[in-house]
């Protein structure tokens, strides 16, 4: 009678088979890894979105700084009170402002120009240089050089050239290039006064997978009446 009871108990309490064990492990693994994969992908997409938005903002900042320089020169020439903006050869104040603006984006003492016809790789510049003195020729750097090959974040959360203001700042993988192209507005006209400018800003940054992504933003600058 005792043996019969033990035999029945053993028949009722059976161990897991190998297939049942594998299925259980697969289910548990799926339950655990599923949310982890979703969280990992969400983090990656959030990082890519953040980097893309930062690139667009850096490109827009570049164009806004150029508009700021153009506006400053235009107001300075319009007031006719500054020796930095003297009309030449019968120029109007607005023509003088446009000529000076175009000249400030050309060659500097280091031989760097933002015009594609002079320098196909374009130029780059520092935020602090562009905002310290609007009446001065802004410092431009070669996009292939070490002075501003990448950008760093200052303590004021401003993106500046790593090679110029890199000490104590947080380095990033972002780089910024400006290329200007002169567009003929009127055939046979004087390029100093009649040509528009097409500004192409390229922001490059490294993805988490190591690949480089580039964001381009284009704007146009026109002479003012």
Foldseek 3Di string as FASTA:
>chain_A
DVVVVVVVVDVVDDDDDPVRVVVVVVVVCCVVVVVVVVVVVVVQVVVVVVVVVVQVVVQVVVVVLLVVLLVVLLVVLVVVPDPLQDDDPPDDSLLSSLLVSQVLQQQDPVGAHQECVRPVQGWAAFPCQSPVDSSDSGDIGHCPDQQAVFWWQDPVRGTGRCNPPVPPTHTFFKGKGKYKYWAAQDPPDDSSAGTKIKIKMKIWHARPVGDIDIDIDIDIGHGDD
